Amino acid sequence: MQVRDKEDDQSEDYILQKNKKTKFGATFIAIVIVIIIAAVAMTGVYFDYW
């Protein structure tokens, strides 16, 4: 396994890089997961499961 240099932001060998696209993707996925969890919880309240 290769060790990544901190200055090497353009390498194609790594899935997660410290760039705008990775940060946006991680933030977007986190927000979508929170919305899905909230929707499931609200559905449970609406149908009196909780």
N, C-alpha and C. Protein backbone atom coordinates (compact mmCIF):
# COMPACT_ATOMS: atom_id res chain seq x y z
N MET A 1 0.85 -1.19 0.00
CA MET A 1 0.00 0.00 0.00
C MET A 1 0.88 1.24 0.00
N GLN A 2 0.53 2.20 -0.82
CA GLN A 2 1.33 3.41 -0.93
C GLN A 2 0.98 4.40 0.17
N VAL A 3 1.98 5.16 0.57
CA VAL A 3 1.77 6.24 1.51
C VAL A 3 1.61 7.53 0.71
N ARG A 4 0.56 8.24 0.95
CA ARG A 4 0.26 9.44 0.17
C ARG A 4 0.96 10.66 0.76
N ASP A 5 1.59 11.44 -0.12
CA ASP A 5 2.19 12.69 0.31
C ASP A 5 1.09 13.70 0.61
N LYS A 6 1.30 14.55 1.59
CA LYS A 6 0.30 15.57 1.92
C LYS A 6 0.13 16.59 0.80
N GLU A 7 1.17 16.81 0.01
CA GLU A 7 1.10 17.79 -1.07
C GLU A 7 0.52 17.19 -2.36
N ASP A 8 0.32 15.88 -2.39
CA ASP A 8 -0.13 15.20 -3.61
C ASP A 8 -1.65 15.16 -3.67
N ASP A 9 -2.28 16.28 -4.08
CA ASP A 9 -3.74 16.34 -4.15
C ASP A 9 -4.28 15.85 -5.49
N GLN A 10 -3.44 15.62 -6.47
CA GLN A 10 -3.89 15.27 -7.80
C GLN A 10 -3.76 13.77 -8.12
N SER A 11 -3.34 12.98 -7.18
CA SER A 11 -3.12 11.56 -7.44
C SER A 11 -4.45 10.85 -7.70
N GLU A 12 -4.46 9.95 -8.68
CA GLU A 12 -5.66 9.20 -9.04
C GLU A 12 -5.74 7.87 -8.29
N ASP A 13 -4.73 7.52 -7.50
CA ASP A 13 -4.68 6.21 -6.86
C ASP A 13 -5.53 6.13 -5.60
N TYR A 14 -6.05 7.24 -5.12
CA TYR A 14 -6.72 7.27 -3.84
C TYR A 14 -8.19 7.63 -4.02
N ILE A 15 -9.05 6.94 -3.31
CA ILE A 15 -10.49 7.20 -3.42
C ILE A 15 -10.84 8.52 -2.74
N LEU A 16 -10.38 8.70 -1.53
CA LEU A 16 -10.69 9.93 -0.79
C LEU A 16 -9.51 10.88 -0.87
N GLN A 17 -9.75 12.03 -1.43
CA GLN A 17 -8.72 13.05 -1.53
C GLN A 17 -9.22 14.30 -0.83
N LYS A 18 -8.30 15.15 -0.47
CA LYS A 18 -8.67 16.37 0.22
C LYS A 18 -8.87 17.46 -0.83
N ASN A 19 -10.03 17.42 -1.49
CA ASN A 19 -10.34 18.43 -2.48
C ASN A 19 -11.82 18.81 -2.38
N LYS A 20 -12.25 19.76 -3.17
CA LYS A 20 -13.62 20.26 -3.08
C LYS A 20 -14.65 19.19 -3.42
N LYS A 21 -14.36 18.37 -4.42
CA LYS A 21 -15.32 17.36 -4.85
C LYS A 21 -15.57 16.33 -3.74
N THR A 22 -14.53 15.89 -3.06
CA THR A 22 -14.69 14.92 -1.99
C THR A 22 -15.43 15.53 -0.80
N LYS A 23 -15.08 16.76 -0.44
CA LYS A 23 -15.77 17.41 0.68
C LYS A 23 -17.24 17.62 0.36
N PHE A 24 -17.56 18.06 -0.86
CA PHE A 24 -18.95 18.25 -1.25
C PHE A 24 -19.70 16.93 -1.22
N GLY A 25 -19.10 15.88 -1.76
CA GLY A 25 -19.75 14.57 -1.78
C GLY A 25 -20.02 14.04 -0.39
N ALA A 26 -19.07 14.15 0.50
CA ALA A 26 -19.25 13.67 1.87
C ALA A 26 -20.34 14.47 2.59
N THR A 27 -20.34 15.79 2.40
CA THR A 27 -21.37 16.63 3.02
C THR A 27 -22.74 16.30 2.46
N PHE A 28 -22.84 16.13 1.15
CA PHE A 28 -24.10 15.82 0.51
C PHE A 28 -24.66 14.48 1.00
N ILE A 29 -23.80 13.47 1.08
CA ILE A 29 -24.24 12.16 1.56
C ILE A 29 -24.70 12.23 3.01
N ALA A 30 -23.98 12.97 3.85
CA ALA A 30 -24.37 13.12 5.25
C ALA A 30 -25.74 13.79 5.37
N ILE A 31 -25.98 14.83 4.58
CA ILE A 31 -27.27 15.53 4.63
C ILE A 31 -28.40 14.61 4.17
N VAL A 32 -28.16 13.85 3.10
CA VAL A 32 -29.18 12.93 2.61
C VAL A 32 -29.50 11.86 3.65
N ILE A 33 -28.51 11.35 4.33
CA ILE A 33 -28.74 10.34 5.36
C ILE A 33 -29.56 10.92 6.51
N VAL A 34 -29.25 12.15 6.92
CA VAL A 34 -30.01 12.79 7.99
C VAL A 34 -31.47 12.99 7.57
N ILE A 35 -31.69 13.40 6.33
CA ILE A 35 -33.06 13.59 5.83
C ILE A 35 -33.81 12.26 5.81
N ILE A 36 -33.16 11.20 5.39
CA ILE A 36 -33.81 9.88 5.36
C ILE A 36 -34.16 9.42 6.77
N ILE A 37 -33.25 9.61 7.72
CA ILE A 37 -33.52 9.22 9.11
C ILE A 37 -34.69 10.02 9.66
N ALA A 38 -34.72 11.32 9.38
CA ALA A 38 -35.83 12.16 9.84
C ALA A 38 -37.14 11.72 9.22
N ALA A 39 -37.12 11.37 7.94
CA ALA A 39 -38.34 10.93 7.27
C ALA A 39 -38.86 9.62 7.86
N VAL A 40 -37.97 8.70 8.16
CA VAL A 40 -38.38 7.43 8.77
C VAL A 40 -38.96 7.68 10.16
N ALA A 41 -38.33 8.56 10.93
CA ALA A 41 -38.83 8.87 12.26
C ALA A 41 -40.20 9.55 12.18
N MET A 42 -40.36 10.48 11.25
CA MET A 42 -41.65 11.17 11.11
C MET A 42 -42.74 10.20 10.65
N THR A 43 -42.39 9.26 9.80
CA THR A 43 -43.35 8.26 9.37
C THR A 43 -43.78 7.39 10.54
N GLY A 44 -42.82 7.03 11.38
CA GLY A 44 -43.15 6.24 12.58
C GLY A 44 -44.08 6.98 13.52
N VAL A 45 -43.86 8.27 13.69
CA VAL A 45 -44.74 9.08 14.55
C VAL A 45 -46.12 9.20 13.91
N TYR A 46 -46.16 9.43 12.60
CA TYR A 46 -47.43 9.61 11.89
C TYR A 46 -48.30 8.35 11.98
N PHE A 47 -47.73 7.19 11.86
CA PHE A 47 -48.48 5.96 11.90
C PHE A 47 -48.55 5.38 13.32
N ASP A 48 -48.19 6.15 14.33
CA ASP A 48 -48.28 5.78 15.74
C ASP A 48 -47.49 4.51 16.08
N TYR A 49 -46.32 4.35 15.47
CA TYR A 49 -45.45 3.25 15.85
C TYR A 49 -44.65 3.61 17.10
N TRP A 50 -44.47 4.91 17.35
CA TRP A 50 -43.75 5.34 18.54
C TRP A 50 -44.67 6.09 19.44
